[in-house]
C-alpha atoms as a PDB file:
ATOM      1  CA  UNK A   1     -50.831  50.961  45.726  1.00  0.00           C
ATOM      2  CA  UNK A   2     -51.277  50.122  42.060  1.00  0.00           C
ATOM      3  CA  UNK A   3     -54.871  48.964  41.736  1.00  0.00           C
ATOM      4  CA  UNK A   4     -56.476  46.417  39.454  1.00  0.00           C
ATOM      5  CA  UNK A   5     -59.859  47.433  38.079  1.00  0.00           C
ATOM      6  CA  UNK A   6     -62.131  44.379  37.844  1.00  0.00           C
ATOM      7  CA  UNK A   7     -64.873  46.193  35.918  1.00  0.00           C
ATOM      8  CA  UNK A   8     -64.456  48.401  32.835  1.00  0.00           C
ATOM      9  CA  UNK A   9     -66.037  48.779  29.414  1.00  0.00           C
ATOM     10  CA  UNK A  10     -64.520  50.003  26.163  1.00  0.00           C
ATOM     11  CA  UNK A  11     -64.954  49.779  22.420  1.00  0.00           C
ATOM     12  CA  UNK A  12     -62.537  49.507  19.515  1.00  0.00           C
ATOM     13  CA  UNK A  13     -64.726  51.805  17.444  1.00  0.00           C
ATOM     14  CA  UNK A  14     -64.422  55.545  17.972  1.00  0.00           C
ATOM     15  CA  UNK A  15     -67.590  57.401  19.034  1.00  0.00           C
ATOM     16  CA  UNK A  16     -69.622  54.214  19.430  1.00  0.00           C
ATOM     17  CA  UNK A  17     -72.887  54.868  21.261  1.00  0.00           C
ATOM     18  CA  UNK A  18     -74.210  52.670  24.037  1.00  0.00           C
ATOM     19  CA  UNK A  19     -77.566  54.306  23.615  1.00  0.00           C
ATOM     20  CA  UNK A  20     -78.559  57.280  21.470  1.00  0.00           C
ATOM     21  CA  UNK A  21     -76.552  60.264  22.677  1.00  0.00           C
ATOM     22  CA  UNK A  22     -74.299  58.293  25.065  1.00  0.00           C
ATOM     23  CA  UNK A  23     -70.823  57.459  23.774  1.00  0.00           C
ATOM     24  CA  UNK A  24     -68.634  54.634  25.020  1.00  0.00           C
ATOM     25  CA  UNK A  25     -65.034  55.017  26.198  1.00  0.00           C
ATOM     26  CA  UNK A  26     -62.043  54.071  24.081  1.00  0.00           C
ATOM     27  CA  UNK A  27     -59.010  52.174  25.456  1.00  0.00           C
ATOM     28  CA  UNK A  28     -56.913  55.345  25.338  1.00  0.00           C
ATOM     29  CA  UNK A  29     -59.523  57.281  27.308  1.00  0.00           C
ATOM     30  CA  UNK A  30     -59.596  54.552  29.953  1.00  0.00           C
ATOM     31  CA  UNK A  31     -55.801  54.548  30.090  1.00  0.00           C
ATOM     32  CA  UNK A  32     -55.850  58.281  30.830  1.00  0.00           C
ATOM     33  CA  UNK A  33     -58.234  57.664  33.738  1.00  0.00           C
ATOM     34  CA  UNK A  34     -56.060  54.793  34.977  1.00  0.00           C
ATOM     35  CA  UNK A  35     -52.988  57.016  34.991  1.00  0.00           C
ATOM     36  CA  UNK A  36     -54.843  59.604  37.086  1.00  0.00           C
ATOM     37  CA  UNK A  37     -56.070  57.004  39.583  1.00  0.00           C
ATOM     38  CA  UNK A  38     -52.825  54.974  39.720  1.00  0.00           C
ATOM     39  CA  UNK A  39     -54.534  51.877  38.307  1.00  0.00           C
ATOM     40  CA  UNK A  40     -52.187  49.237  36.943  1.00  0.00           C
ATOM     41  CA  UNK A  41     -54.529  47.207  34.712  1.00  0.00           C
ATOM     42  CA  UNK A  42     -58.231  46.578  34.240  1.00  0.00           C
ATOM     43  CA  UNK A  43     -60.670  43.946  33.059  1.00  0.00           C
ATOM     44  CA  UNK A  44     -62.708  44.641  29.922  1.00  0.00           C
ATOM     45  CA  UNK A  45     -66.244  43.248  30.131  1.00  0.00           C
ATOM     46  CA  UNK A  46     -68.142  42.890  26.829  1.00  0.00           C
ATOM     47  CA  UNK A  47     -71.720  44.168  26.722  1.00  0.00           C
ATOM     48  CA  UNK A  48     -73.532  41.533  24.711  1.00  0.00           C
ATOM     49  CA  UNK A  49     -77.103  41.737  26.007  1.00  0.00           C
ATOM     50  CA  UNK A  50     -79.485  43.693  23.750  1.00  0.00           C
ATOM     51  CA  UNK A  51     -81.404  44.771  26.859  1.00  0.00           C
ATOM     52  CA  UNK A  52     -78.527  47.106  27.721  1.00  0.00           C
ATOM     53  CA  UNK A  53     -77.397  48.750  24.520  1.00  0.00           C
ATOM     54  CA  UNK A  54     -78.347  49.513  20.948  1.00  0.00           C
ATOM     55  CA  UNK A  55     -75.683  47.241  19.445  1.00  0.00           C
ATOM     56  CA  UNK A  56     -73.935  44.288  21.036  1.00  0.00           C
ATOM     57  CA  UNK A  57     -70.222  43.691  21.496  1.00  0.00           C
ATOM     58  CA  UNK A  58     -68.363  40.478  20.830  1.00  0.00           C
ATOM     59  CA  UNK A  59     -65.943  38.512  22.936  1.00  0.00           C
ATOM     60  CA  UNK A  60     -63.515  38.763  20.044  1.00  0.00           C
ATOM     61  CA  UNK A  61     -63.553  42.568  20.318  1.00  0.00           C
ATOM     62  CA  UNK A  62     -62.470  42.332  23.959  1.00  0.00           C
ATOM     63  CA  UNK A  63     -59.792  39.784  23.098  1.00  0.00           C
ATOM     64  CA  UNK A  64     -58.471  42.081  20.370  1.00  0.00           C
ATOM     65  CA  UNK A  65     -58.335  45.113  22.662  1.00  0.00           C
ATOM     66  CA  UNK A  66     -56.689  43.178  25.500  1.00  0.00           C
ATOM     67  CA  UNK A  67     -54.033  41.882  23.112  1.00  0.00           C
ATOM     68  CA  UNK A  68     -53.467  45.275  21.500  1.00  0.00           C
ATOM     69  CA  UNK A  69     -53.271  47.064  24.863  1.00  0.00           C
ATOM     70  CA  UNK A  70     -51.785  44.201  26.854  1.00  0.00           C
ATOM     71  CA  UNK A  71     -50.083  46.544  29.329  1.00  0.00           C
ATOM     72  CA  UNK A  72     -53.501  47.953  30.281  1.00  0.00           C
ATOM     73  CA  UNK A  73     -56.137  45.220  30.027  1.00  0.00           C
ATOM     74  CA  UNK A  74     -57.238  41.695  30.763  1.00  0.00           C
ATOM     75  CA  UNK A  75     -60.584  40.565  29.391  1.00  0.00           C
ATOM     76  CA  UNK A  76     -63.757  38.662  30.169  1.00  0.00           C
ATOM     77  CA  UNK A  77     -65.850  36.655  27.798  1.00  0.00           C
ATOM     78  CA  UNK A  78     -69.600  37.072  28.066  1.00  0.00           C
ATOM     79  CA  UNK A  79     -72.144  34.365  27.384  1.00  0.00           C
ATOM     80  CA  UNK A  80     -75.841  34.980  27.024  1.00  0.00           C
ATOM     81  CA  UNK A  81     -77.730  31.940  28.381  1.00  0.00           C
ATOM     82  CA  UNK A  82     -79.909  32.045  25.270  1.00  0.00           C
ATOM     83  CA  UNK A  83     -76.872  31.328  23.067  1.00  0.00           C
ATOM     84  CA  UNK A  84     -76.442  27.959  21.469  1.00  0.00           C
ATOM     85  CA  UNK A  85     -79.960  26.672  21.053  1.00  0.00           C
ATOM     86  CA  UNK A  86     -81.790  28.765  23.676  1.00  0.00           C
ATOM     87  CA  UNK A  87     -81.996  25.588  25.728  1.00  0.00           C
ATOM     88  CA  UNK A  88     -81.331  24.711  29.384  1.00  0.00           C
ATOM     89  CA  UNK A  89     -79.355  21.734  28.059  1.00  0.00           C
ATOM     90  CA  UNK A  90     -76.776  23.715  26.074  1.00  0.00           C
ATOM     91  CA  UNK A  91     -73.211  22.630  26.834  1.00  0.00           C
ATOM     92  CA  UNK A  92     -71.642  25.976  27.718  1.00  0.00           C
ATOM     93  CA  UNK A  93     -68.423  24.335  28.898  1.00  0.00           C
ATOM     94  CA  UNK A  94     -67.202  24.158  25.317  1.00  0.00           C
ATOM     95  CA  UNK A  95     -67.827  27.907  24.905  1.00  0.00           C
ATOM     96  CA  UNK A  96     -66.128  28.761  28.188  1.00  0.00           C
ATOM     97  CA  UNK A  97     -63.064  26.571  27.705  1.00  0.00           C
ATOM     98  CA  UNK A  98     -62.570  28.004  24.216  1.00  0.00           C
ATOM     99  CA  UNK A  99     -62.428  31.557  25.549  1.00  0.00           C
ATOM    100  CA  UNK A 100     -60.350  30.607  28.579  1.00  0.00           C
ATOM    101  CA  UNK A 101     -57.735  29.148  26.251  1.00  0.00           C
ATOM    102  CA  UNK A 102     -57.692  32.476  24.413  1.00  0.00           C
ATOM    103  CA  UNK A 103     -57.096  34.379  27.651  1.00  0.00           C
ATOM    104  CA  UNK A 104     -60.495  35.207  29.177  1.00  0.00           C
ATOM    105  CA  UNK A 105     -60.278  35.339  32.986  1.00  0.00           C
ATOM    106  CA  UNK A 106     -63.973  35.757  33.836  1.00  0.00           C
ATOM    107  CA  UNK A 107     -67.541  35.718  32.517  1.00  0.00           C
ATOM    108  CA  UNK A 108     -69.713  38.809  32.509  1.00  0.00           C
ATOM    109  CA  UNK A 109     -71.122  41.211  33.033  1.00  0.00           C
ATOM    110  CA  UNK A 110     -74.287  39.099  32.851  1.00  0.00           C
ATOM    111  CA  UNK A 111     -77.234  41.344  31.980  1.00  0.00           C
ATOM    112  CA  UNK A 112     -79.985  39.212  30.375  1.00  0.00           C
ATOM    113  CA  UNK A 113     -83.293  40.255  31.875  1.00  0.00           C
ATOM    114  CA  UNK A 114     -84.182  36.784  33.154  1.00  0.00           C
ATOM    115  CA  UNK A 115     -84.787  35.570  36.690  1.00  0.00           C
ATOM    116  CA  UNK A 116     -81.472  34.495  38.122  1.00  0.00           C
ATOM    117  CA  UNK A 117     -82.811  30.987  38.752  1.00  0.00           C
ATOM    118  CA  UNK A 118     -84.306  30.677  35.263  1.00  0.00           C
ATOM    119  CA  UNK A 119     -83.370  27.242  33.821  1.00  0.00           C
ATOM    120  CA  UNK A 120     -81.266  28.947  31.148  1.00  0.00           C
ATOM    121  CA  UNK A 121     -79.153  30.838  33.700  1.00  0.00           C
ATOM    122  CA  UNK A 122     -79.113  27.857  36.037  1.00  0.00           C
ATOM    123  CA  UNK A 123     -77.514  25.840  33.255  1.00  0.00           C
ATOM    124  CA  UNK A 124     -74.949  28.545  32.468  1.00  0.00           C
ATOM    125  CA  UNK A 125     -74.024  28.819  36.147  1.00  0.00           C
ATOM    126  CA  UNK A 126     -73.493  25.072  36.325  1.00  0.00           C
ATOM    127  CA  UNK A 127     -71.005  25.138  33.465  1.00  0.00           C
ATOM    128  CA  UNK A 128     -69.197  28.217  34.819  1.00  0.00           C
ATOM    129  CA  UNK A 129     -68.768  26.393  38.103  1.00  0.00           C
ATOM    130  CA  UNK A 130     -67.479  23.268  36.406  1.00  0.00           C
ATOM    131  CA  UNK A 131     -65.030  25.346  34.359  1.00  0.00           C
ATOM    132  CA  UNK A 132     -63.889  27.265  37.464  1.00  0.00           C
ATOM    133  CA  UNK A 133     -64.450  30.743  36.040  1.00  0.00           C
ATOM    134  CA  UNK A 134     -65.958  33.611  38.110  1.00  0.00           C
ATOM    135  CA  UNK A 135     -69.167  35.268  36.909  1.00  0.00           C
ATOM    136  CA  UNK A 136     -69.990  38.955  37.407  1.00  0.00           C
ATOM    137  CA  UNK A 137     -73.728  39.623  37.540  1.00  0.00           C
ATOM    138  CA  UNK A 138     -75.683  42.842  37.201  1.00  0.00           C
ATOM    139  CA  UNK A 139     -78.719  42.419  39.451  1.00  0.00           C
ATOM    140  CA  UNK A 140     -82.068  43.925  38.405  1.00  0.00           C
ATOM    141  CA  UNK A 141     -85.195  44.629  40.446  1.00  0.00           C
ATOM    142  CA  UNK A 142     -87.794  43.610  37.874  1.00  0.00           C
ATOM    143  CA  UNK A 143     -88.388  41.884  34.591  1.00  0.00           C
ATOM    144  CA  UNK A 144     -89.021  44.165  31.640  1.00  0.00           C
ATOM    145  CA  UNK A 145     -88.115  47.799  30.985  1.00  0.00           C
ATOM    146  CA  UNK A 146     -84.604  47.283  32.355  1.00  0.00           C
ATOM    147  CA  UNK A 147     -81.513  45.079  32.080  1.00  0.00           C
ATOM    148  CA  UNK A 148     -79.851  42.618  34.438  1.00  0.00           C
ATOM    149  CA  UNK A 149     -80.590  39.257  36.022  1.00  0.00           C
ATOM    150  CA  UNK A 150     -83.699  39.524  38.189  1.00  0.00           C
ATOM    151  CA  UNK A 151     -84.256  38.711  41.845  1.00  0.00           C
ATOM    152  CA  UNK A 152     -86.914  39.517  44.423  1.00  0.00           C
ATOM    153  CA  UNK A 153     -86.531  41.637  47.528  1.00  0.00           C
ATOM    154  CA  UNK A 154     -84.251  39.765  49.918  1.00  0.00           C
ATOM    155  CA  UNK A 155     -82.372  37.964  47.105  1.00  0.00           C
ATOM    156  CA  UNK A 156     -83.954  34.509  47.597  1.00  0.00           C
ATOM    157  CA  UNK A 157     -83.179  33.435  44.033  1.00  0.00           C
ATOM    158  CA  UNK A 158     -79.522  34.421  44.346  1.00  0.00           C
ATOM    159  CA  UNK A 159     -79.297  32.328  47.488  1.00  0.00           C
ATOM    160  CA  UNK A 160     -80.833  29.406  45.612  1.00  0.00           C
ATOM    161  CA  UNK A 161     -78.089  29.588  42.967  1.00  0.00           C
ATOM    162  CA  UNK A 162     -75.290  30.028  45.523  1.00  0.00           C
ATOM    163  CA  UNK A 163     -76.495  26.942  47.362  1.00  0.00           C
ATOM    164  CA  UNK A 164     -77.070  24.856  44.250  1.00  0.00           C
ATOM    165  CA  UNK A 165     -73.701  25.673  42.650  1.00  0.00           C
ATOM    166  CA  UNK A 166     -71.025  25.674  45.376  1.00  0.00           C
ATOM    167  CA  UNK A 167     -68.234  25.525  42.772  1.00  0.00           C
ATOM    168  CA  UNK A 168     -69.477  28.758  41.194  1.00  0.00           C
ATOM    169  CA  UNK A 169     -67.944  32.106  42.133  1.00  0.00           C
ATOM    170  CA  UNK A 170     -70.642  34.780  41.767  1.00  0.00           C
ATOM    171  CA  UNK A 171     -69.448  38.395  41.869  1.00  0.00           C
ATOM    172  CA  UNK A 172     -72.354  40.682  42.822  1.00  0.00           C
ATOM    173  CA  UNK A 173     -72.814  44.159  41.380  1.00  0.00           C
ATOM    174  CA  UNK A 174     -75.411  46.944  40.786  1.00  0.00           C
ATOM    175  CA  UNK A 175     -77.784  49.080  42.823  1.00  0.00           C
ATOM    176  CA  UNK A 176     -80.220  46.223  43.359  1.00  0.00           C
ATOM    177  CA  UNK A 177     -77.449  44.024  44.736  1.00  0.00           C
ATOM    178  CA  UNK A 178     -75.772  46.602  46.973  1.00  0.00           C
ATOM    179  CA  UNK A 179     -78.992  48.038  48.397  1.00  0.00           C
ATOM    180  CA  UNK A 180     -79.380  44.676  50.144  1.00  0.00           C
ATOM    181  CA  UNK A 181     -76.421  45.478  52.384  1.00  0.00           C
ATOM    182  CA  UNK A 182     -79.023  46.866  54.806  1.00  0.00           C
ATOM    183  CA  UNK A 183     -82.592  45.933  55.727  1.00  0.00           C
ATOM    184  CA  UNK A 184     -84.070  49.416  55.259  1.00  0.00           C
ATOM    185  CA  UNK A 185     -85.107  48.842  51.649  1.00  0.00           C
ATOM    186  CA  UNK A 186     -88.373  48.251  49.854  1.00  0.00           C
ATOM    187  CA  UNK A 187     -89.698  47.806  46.336  1.00  0.00           C
ATOM    188  CA  UNK A 188     -89.465  51.539  45.683  1.00  0.00           C
ATOM    189  CA  UNK A 189     -85.841  52.220  46.681  1.00  0.00           C
ATOM    190  CA  UNK A 190     -84.052  48.907  46.115  1.00  0.00           C
ATOM    191  CA  UNK A 191     -82.859  49.969  42.666  1.00  0.00           C
ATOM    192  CA  UNK A 192     -81.415  53.242  43.928  1.00  0.00           C
ATOM    193  CA  UNK A 193     -78.903  54.477  46.464  1.00  0.00           C
ATOM    194  CA  UNK A 194     -80.357  54.090  49.973  1.00  0.00           C
ATOM    195  CA  UNK A 195     -78.759  56.152  52.720  1.00  0.00           C
ATOM    196  CA  UNK A 196     -78.454  55.906  56.491  1.00  0.00           C
ATOM    197  CA  UNK A 197     -77.145  53.394  58.981  1.00  0.00           C
ATOM    198  CA  UNK A 198     -76.671  49.785  57.844  1.00  0.00           C
ATOM    199  CA  UNK A 199     -77.940  46.796  59.793  1.00  0.00           C
ATOM    200  CA  UNK A 200     -79.145  43.235  59.278  1.00  0.00           C
ATOM    201  CA  UNK A 201     -78.583  43.226  55.519  1.00  0.00           C
ATOM    202  CA  UNK A 202     -78.927  40.219  53.277  1.00  0.00           C
ATOM    203  CA  UNK A 203     -75.500  40.736  51.708  1.00  0.00           C
ATOM    204  CA  UNK A 204     -73.829  40.123  55.058  1.00  0.00           C
ATOM    205  CA  UNK A 205     -76.036  37.089  55.718  1.00  0.00           C
ATOM    206  CA  UNK A 206     -75.273  35.585  52.326  1.00  0.00           C
ATOM    207  CA  UNK A 207     -71.548  36.321  52.571  1.00  0.00           C
ATOM    208  CA  UNK A 208     -71.396  34.517  55.911  1.00  0.00           C
ATOM    209  CA  UNK A 209     -73.353  31.549  54.643  1.00  0.00           C
ATOM    210  CA  UNK A 210     -71.891  31.135  51.149  1.00  0.00           C
ATOM    211  CA  UNK A 211     -68.127  31.434  50.595  1.00  0.00           C
ATOM    212  CA  UNK A 212     -68.737  31.481  46.826  1.00  0.00           C
ATOM    213  CA  UNK A 213     -70.270  34.991  46.905  1.00  0.00           C
ATOM    214  CA  UNK A 214     -67.906  37.866  46.096  1.00  0.00           C
ATOM    215  CA  UNK A 215     -68.431  41.623  45.810  1.00  0.00           C
ATOM    216  CA  UNK A 216     -67.641  44.047  43.005  1.00  0.00           C
ATOM    217  CA  UNK A 217     -67.188  47.478  44.630  1.00  0.00           C
ATOM    218  CA  UNK A 218     -67.454  49.422  41.369  1.00  0.00           C
ATOM    219  CA  UNK A 219     -69.822  52.179  40.261  1.00  0.00           C
ATOM    220  CA  UNK A 220     -71.978  54.445  42.391  1.00  0.00           C
ATOM    221  CA  UNK A 221     -73.691  51.433  43.933  1.00  0.00           C
ATOM    222  CA  UNK A 222     -70.515  49.991  45.439  1.00  0.00           C
ATOM    223  CA  UNK A 223     -69.277  53.414  46.507  1.00  0.00           C
ATOM    224  CA  UNK A 224     -72.609  54.232  48.163  1.00  0.00           C
ATOM    225  CA  UNK A 225     -72.631  50.936  50.048  1.00  0.00           C
ATOM    226  CA  UNK A 226     -69.093  51.500  51.342  1.00  0.00           C
ATOM    227  CA  UNK A 227     -69.510  55.144  52.385  1.00  0.00           C
ATOM    228  CA  UNK A 228     -73.024  55.500  53.816  1.00  0.00           C
ATOM    229  CA  UNK A 229     -72.105  54.067  57.225  1.00  0.00           C
ATOM    230  CA  UNK A 230     -68.326  54.144  57.861  1.00  0.00           C
ATOM    231  CA  UNK A 231     -68.551  52.314  61.184  1.00  0.00           C
ATOM    232  CA  UNK A 232     -70.292  49.382  59.517  1.00  0.00           C
ATOM    233  CA  UNK A 233     -67.995  49.485  56.500  1.00  0.00           C
ATOM    234  CA  UNK A 234     -64.848  49.014  58.556  1.00  0.00           C
ATOM    235  CA  UNK A 235     -66.325  45.894  60.180  1.00  0.00           C
ATOM    236  CA  UNK A 236     -67.576  44.616  56.832  1.00  0.00           C
ATOM    237  CA  UNK A 237     -64.127  44.970  55.278  1.00  0.00           C
ATOM    238  CA  UNK A 238     -62.448  43.242  58.207  1.00  0.00           C
ATOM    239  CA  UNK A 239     -64.829  40.284  57.976  1.00  0.00           C
ATOM    240  CA  UNK A 240     -64.936  39.859  54.197  1.00  0.00           C
ATOM    241  CA  UNK A 241     -61.603  41.285  53.055  1.00  0.00           C
ATOM    242  CA  UNK A 242     -60.835  38.157  51.001  1.00  0.00           C
ATOM    243  CA  UNK A 243     -63.900  38.630  48.793  1.00  0.00           C
ATOM    244  CA  UNK A 244     -64.075  42.380  48.074  1.00  0.00           C
ATOM    245  CA  UNK A 245     -62.567  43.808  44.882  1.00  0.00           C
ATOM    246  CA  UNK A 246     -61.931  47.302  43.589  1.00  0.00           C
ATOM    247  CA  UNK A 247     -63.568  48.367  40.336  1.00  0.00           C
ATOM    248  CA  UNK A 248     -64.588  51.489  38.448  1.00  0.00           C
ATOM    249  CA  UNK A 249     -67.319  50.433  35.977  1.00  0.00           C
ATOM    250  CA  UNK A 250     -66.007  52.971  33.487  1.00  0.00           C
ATOM    251  CA  UNK A 251     -68.324  53.156  30.474  1.00  0.00           C
ATOM    252  CA  UNK A 252     -68.226  56.755  29.269  1.00  0.00           C
ATOM    253  CA  UNK A 253     -65.213  58.937  28.378  1.00  0.00           C
ATOM    254  CA  UNK A 254     -63.777  60.972  31.272  1.00  0.00           C
ATOM    255  CA  UNK A 255     -65.800  59.032  33.836  1.00  0.00           C
ATOM    256  CA  UNK A 256     -64.453  59.327  37.374  1.00  0.00           C
ATOM    257  CA  UNK A 257     -64.207  56.885  40.261  1.00  0.00           C
ATOM    258  CA  UNK A 258     -64.782  58.193  43.776  1.00  0.00           C
ATOM    259  CA  UNK A 259     -64.015  54.774  45.233  1.00  0.00           C
ATOM    260  CA  UNK A 260     -60.310  55.000  44.449  1.00  0.00           C
ATOM    261  CA  UNK A 261     -59.675  58.124  46.523  1.00  0.00           C
ATOM    262  CA  UNK A 262     -61.977  56.852  49.280  1.00  0.00           C
ATOM    263  CA  UNK A 263     -59.956  53.656  49.573  1.00  0.00           C
ATOM    264  CA  UNK A 264     -56.698  55.591  49.637  1.00  0.00           C
ATOM    265  CA  UNK A 265     -57.995  57.916  52.351  1.00  0.00           C
ATOM    266  CA  UNK A 266     -59.337  55.014  54.425  1.00  0.00           C
ATOM    267  CA  UNK A 267     -55.904  53.410  54.345  1.00  0.00           C
ATOM    268  CA  UNK A 268     -54.069  56.653  55.180  1.00  0.00           C
ATOM    269  CA  UNK A 269     -56.397  57.201  58.141  1.00  0.00           C
ATOM    270  CA  UNK A 270     -55.805  53.584  59.239  1.00  0.00           C
ATOM    271  CA  UNK A 271     -59.474  52.724  58.911  1.00  0.00           C
ATOM    272  CA  UNK A 272     -58.390  49.923  56.573  1.00  0.00           C
ATOM    273  CA  UNK A 273     -55.319  47.849  57.347  1.00  0.00           C
ATOM    274  CA  UNK A 274     -52.410  47.583  54.934  1.00  0.00           C
ATOM    275  CA  UNK A 275     -53.187  43.913  54.355  1.00  0.00           C
ATOM    276  CA  UNK A 276     -56.857  44.539  53.541  1.00  0.00           C
ATOM    277  CA  UNK A 277     -56.035  47.573  51.425  1.00  0.00           C
ATOM    278  CA  UNK A 278     -53.767  45.383  49.310  1.00  0.00           C
ATOM    279  CA  UNK A 279     -56.387  42.638  49.027  1.00  0.00           C
ATOM    280  CA  UNK A 280     -59.121  44.998  47.849  1.00  0.00           C
ATOM    281  CA  UNK A 281     -56.888  47.025  45.526  1.00  0.00           C
ATOM    282  CA  UNK A 282     -55.238  44.088  43.746  1.00  0.00           C
ATOM    283  CA  UNK A 283     -54.516  40.977  45.818  1.00  0.00           C
ATOM    284  CA  UNK A 284     -57.971  39.438  45.588  1.00  0.00           C
ATOM    285  CA  UNK A 285     -58.195  40.071  41.845  1.00  0.00           C
ATOM    286  CA  UNK A 286     -54.859  38.314  41.366  1.00  0.00           C
ATOM    287  CA  UNK A 287     -55.874  35.240  43.348  1.00  0.00           C
ATOM    288  CA  UNK A 288     -59.547  34.954  42.308  1.00  0.00           C
ATOM    289  CA  UNK A 289     -58.851  35.449  38.593  1.00  0.00           C
ATOM    290  CA  UNK A 290     -55.529  33.576  38.695  1.00  0.00           C
ATOM    291  CA  UNK A 291     -53.425  36.363  37.213  1.00  0.00           C
ATOM    292  CA  UNK A 292     -49.759  35.666  36.628  1.00  0.00           C
ATOM    293  CA  UNK A 293     -48.542  38.829  38.340  1.00  0.00           C
ATOM    294  CA  UNK A 294     -47.569  39.947  41.838  1.00  0.00           C
END
């Protein structure tokens, strides 16, 4: 099955550093990884928040790369809620519609280190919902000394936004998000990779209650959540197959994705049905992001 990668990062500048000593992948390096993993195309997500990297990217850089390597990439725009006038009254619809017309299929990855129900983010979420564009969030466990939108243990602020903005499609991602798949977490391990059996997690509760919550399976966080308790995972996939999407979160050159081979093996062993395998690998990405492909 040719997969679609809903989460990748690249730069048009060779040897660009995300942070001192850490280089970012080029489109050609990502294409090499895609060929190895049988990935059809991927989404490029611009990293615009200064909390994450030493220099920010632009939406125009992602548009340029997606146009230059159109056989390999789609692209997201990214909007910091402090843009415009750093006001909770900023009309972000005009920003969003501009980039949608230029080909952007999503917003993200949102990384500003603000509480997820901060008035600035609340306003951005409203406009994303009105413009019918999905938003990928990177969830953080605290404010300061990190990056990502912040929520408390149990994700009460995320629930507040899901309830307040039913038109908004939020795509959850990161260690702090995926650790909430089970109830055996605390302030010390919620930003890591908890192990053991999964039960009574907030992710399942929120997915059942709010049809506008989706899941990005990329990175070590998504892989850990899917593989730590196979018995639970198979039930989770059966129940929420329409809202789970494959991703890699490639940032660095030669980065690997364990999720791809795990998905393939799960399908070959009939732990995941053909229908659900298709949905996770590419079908959901096509429908949720309204791609004009089969």
